[in-house]
């Protein structure tokens, strides 16, 4: 992200606040700089420095859903650290009961659902599990399914 402007503003008590205006993001402010930590006879004799740090991004929690078209068996995973682990775990659980499992959808910090009607298998994603299920059924129907139904829905946050 490129920054349009960086300003520092001296707030009350000598605290310096940096205001960063992002090109595509709203402005954010964070306290940093130097403040007086000890006064003697009304004059600052000791300063404390606080570093400027950027806000941390929320961690991604991955999940996946694997599904067997022949048996309707599924496996899922959630709250894992990366896409590959999420897929592997979902496939492992599905494969305990079927040999033709495939990863249908992977996701992070979201909900997913898988809907099917025979060989027509579709997925939906949304922050809400119910809406993810609706999207999966709608997509399955668009792809030719006549009696699409949700087979599994799961969230990873």
Protein backbone atom coordinates (compact mmCIF):
# COMPACT_ATOMS: atom_id res chain seq x y z
CA UNK A 1 0.00 0.00 0.00
CA UNK A 2 1.46 3.38 -0.93
CA UNK A 3 1.07 6.17 1.56
CA UNK A 4 -0.27 9.55 0.47
CA UNK A 5 0.92 11.46 3.48
CA UNK A 6 2.48 10.97 6.84
CA UNK A 7 1.90 13.63 9.44
CA UNK A 8 2.79 13.89 13.03
CA UNK A 9 0.60 15.75 15.43
CA UNK A 10 1.65 16.75 18.90
CA UNK A 11 -1.21 15.89 21.21
CA UNK A 12 -1.64 16.90 24.83
CA UNK A 13 1.18 16.16 27.29
CA UNK A 14 3.76 16.13 24.53
CA UNK A 15 2.64 12.81 22.98
CA UNK A 16 3.42 12.59 19.29
CA UNK A 17 0.88 10.77 17.13
CA UNK A 18 1.66 9.75 13.56
CA UNK A 19 -1.25 9.94 11.16
CA UNK A 20 -0.85 7.77 8.10
CA UNK A 21 -3.18 8.35 5.18
CA UNK A 22 -3.32 5.26 2.97
CA UNK A 23 -4.06 5.36 -0.73
CA UNK A 24 -6.98 2.95 -0.50
CA UNK A 25 -7.49 2.63 3.21
CA UNK A 26 -8.94 4.90 5.86
CA UNK A 27 -6.55 6.96 7.95
CA UNK A 28 -5.32 5.44 11.16
CA UNK A 29 -3.39 6.96 14.03
CA UNK A 30 -1.13 5.37 16.55
CA UNK A 31 0.76 6.76 19.50
CA UNK A 32 4.50 6.85 19.07
CA UNK A 33 7.36 9.19 19.62
CA UNK A 34 8.80 10.77 22.71
CA UNK A 35 7.11 11.78 25.92
CA UNK A 36 8.49 13.23 29.10
CA UNK A 37 8.64 10.54 31.75
CA UNK A 38 10.24 12.57 34.58
CA UNK A 39 10.07 16.22 35.54
CA UNK A 40 12.30 18.12 37.97
CA UNK A 41 11.39 21.66 38.95
CA UNK A 42 8.91 21.91 36.08
CA UNK A 43 11.41 20.84 33.40
CA UNK A 44 11.61 17.51 31.63
CA UNK A 45 14.79 15.67 32.57
CA UNK A 46 13.99 12.19 31.24
CA UNK A 47 12.27 11.10 28.07
CA UNK A 48 10.62 7.82 27.14
CA UNK A 49 10.50 6.70 23.53
CA UNK A 50 7.64 4.58 22.26
CA UNK A 51 8.18 2.86 18.91
CA UNK A 52 5.73 3.17 16.06
CA UNK A 53 4.31 -0.21 15.12
CA UNK A 54 1.83 -1.04 12.44
CA UNK A 55 -1.39 -2.74 13.42
CA UNK A 56 -1.17 -6.49 12.96
CA UNK A 57 -3.39 -8.18 10.44
CA UNK A 58 -5.79 -10.81 11.72
CA UNK A 59 -4.41 -14.31 11.36
CA UNK A 60 -5.85 -16.53 8.67
CA UNK A 61 -7.57 -19.69 9.86
CA UNK A 62 -7.97 -22.11 6.97
CA UNK A 63 -10.53 -24.81 6.42
CA UNK A 64 -11.55 -27.15 3.62
CA UNK A 65 -14.31 -29.55 2.66
CA UNK A 66 -13.63 -32.81 0.79
CA UNK A 67 -16.47 -34.83 -0.73
CA UNK A 68 -17.07 -38.23 -2.36
CA UNK A 69 -19.47 -38.04 -5.30
CA UNK A 70 -20.15 -41.78 -5.23
CA UNK A 71 -21.05 -42.17 -1.55
CA UNK A 72 -21.81 -38.64 -0.31
CA UNK A 73 -19.15 -39.01 2.36
CA UNK A 74 -17.38 -35.82 3.39
CA UNK A 75 -14.56 -34.61 5.56
CA UNK A 76 -13.77 -31.12 6.72
CA UNK A 77 -11.12 -29.13 8.55
CA UNK A 78 -11.02 -25.77 10.27
CA UNK A 79 -8.75 -23.33 12.12
CA UNK A 80 -5.53 -24.54 10.47
CA UNK A 81 -2.52 -22.39 9.62
CA UNK A 82 -2.37 -22.88 5.84
CA UNK A 83 -4.32 -24.01 2.79
CA UNK A 84 -2.33 -27.21 2.23
CA UNK A 85 -2.90 -28.46 5.79
CA UNK A 86 -6.61 -27.69 5.56
CA UNK A 87 -6.98 -29.64 2.30
CA UNK A 88 -4.92 -32.58 3.55
CA UNK A 89 -6.90 -32.87 6.78
CA UNK A 90 -10.29 -32.71 5.04
CA UNK A 91 -9.20 -35.37 2.53
CA UNK A 92 -7.89 -37.59 5.34
CA UNK A 93 -11.24 -37.55 7.16
CA UNK A 94 -13.24 -38.13 3.98
CA UNK A 95 -10.94 -40.98 2.88
CA UNK A 96 -11.73 -42.93 6.06
CA UNK A 97 -15.06 -43.87 4.41
CA UNK A 98 -14.59 -43.38 0.66
CA UNK A 99 -11.89 -43.79 -1.97
CA UNK A 100 -12.92 -41.06 -4.43
CA UNK A 101 -12.75 -38.01 -2.15
CA UNK A 102 -11.77 -34.67 -3.65
CA UNK A 103 -11.33 -31.24 -2.14
CA UNK A 104 -14.37 -29.26 -3.22
CA UNK A 105 -13.59 -25.96 -1.50
CA UNK A 106 -11.01 -24.38 0.79
CA UNK A 107 -11.44 -21.13 2.66
CA UNK A 108 -10.10 -18.93 5.43
CA UNK A 109 -11.87 -16.86 8.10
CA UNK A 110 -15.15 -17.76 6.43
CA UNK A 111 -17.90 -20.36 6.16
CA UNK A 112 -18.28 -22.84 3.31
CA UNK A 113 -20.98 -25.26 2.26
CA UNK A 114 -21.17 -28.07 -0.28
CA UNK A 115 -24.44 -28.95 -2.01
CA UNK A 116 -24.98 -31.90 -4.34
CA UNK A 117 -27.44 -33.76 -6.52
CA UNK A 118 -25.80 -36.89 -7.89
CA UNK A 119 -22.67 -35.87 -9.79
CA UNK A 120 -23.55 -32.17 -9.63
CA UNK A 121 -21.54 -30.81 -6.71
CA UNK A 122 -21.16 -27.11 -5.92
CA UNK A 123 -19.96 -24.91 -3.09
CA UNK A 124 -20.74 -21.54 -1.55
CA UNK A 125 -18.79 -19.15 0.69
CA UNK A 126 -20.01 -16.48 3.07
CA UNK A 127 -19.32 -15.07 6.52
CA UNK A 128 -22.64 -16.65 7.56
CA UNK A 129 -23.06 -20.45 7.38
CA UNK A 130 -26.71 -20.23 6.31
CA UNK A 131 -25.91 -17.88 3.43
CA UNK A 132 -23.00 -20.11 2.35
CA UNK A 133 -25.45 -23.03 2.21
CA UNK A 134 -27.93 -21.02 0.15
CA UNK A 135 -25.19 -20.04 -2.30
CA UNK A 136 -24.08 -23.68 -2.63
CA UNK A 137 -27.64 -24.87 -3.41
CA UNK A 138 -28.20 -22.00 -5.87
CA UNK A 139 -24.96 -22.81 -7.72
CA UNK A 140 -25.76 -26.54 -7.79
CA UNK A 141 -29.16 -25.76 -9.34
CA UNK A 142 -27.55 -23.45 -11.94
CA UNK A 143 -25.23 -26.31 -12.87
CA UNK A 144 -28.17 -28.62 -13.63
CA UNK A 145 -28.98 -30.27 -10.31
CA UNK A 146 -32.69 -30.94 -9.84
CA UNK A 147 -32.76 -31.85 -6.13
CA UNK A 148 -29.69 -30.08 -4.78
CA UNK A 149 -29.26 -30.33 -1.03
CA UNK A 150 -26.58 -29.18 1.39
CA UNK A 151 -24.33 -32.09 2.34
CA UNK A 152 -21.99 -30.24 4.70
CA UNK A 153 -21.41 -26.73 5.99
CA UNK A 154 -18.50 -25.57 8.15
CA UNK A 155 -16.76 -22.39 9.32
CA UNK A 156 -13.17 -21.46 10.16
CA UNK A 157 -12.54 -18.24 12.06
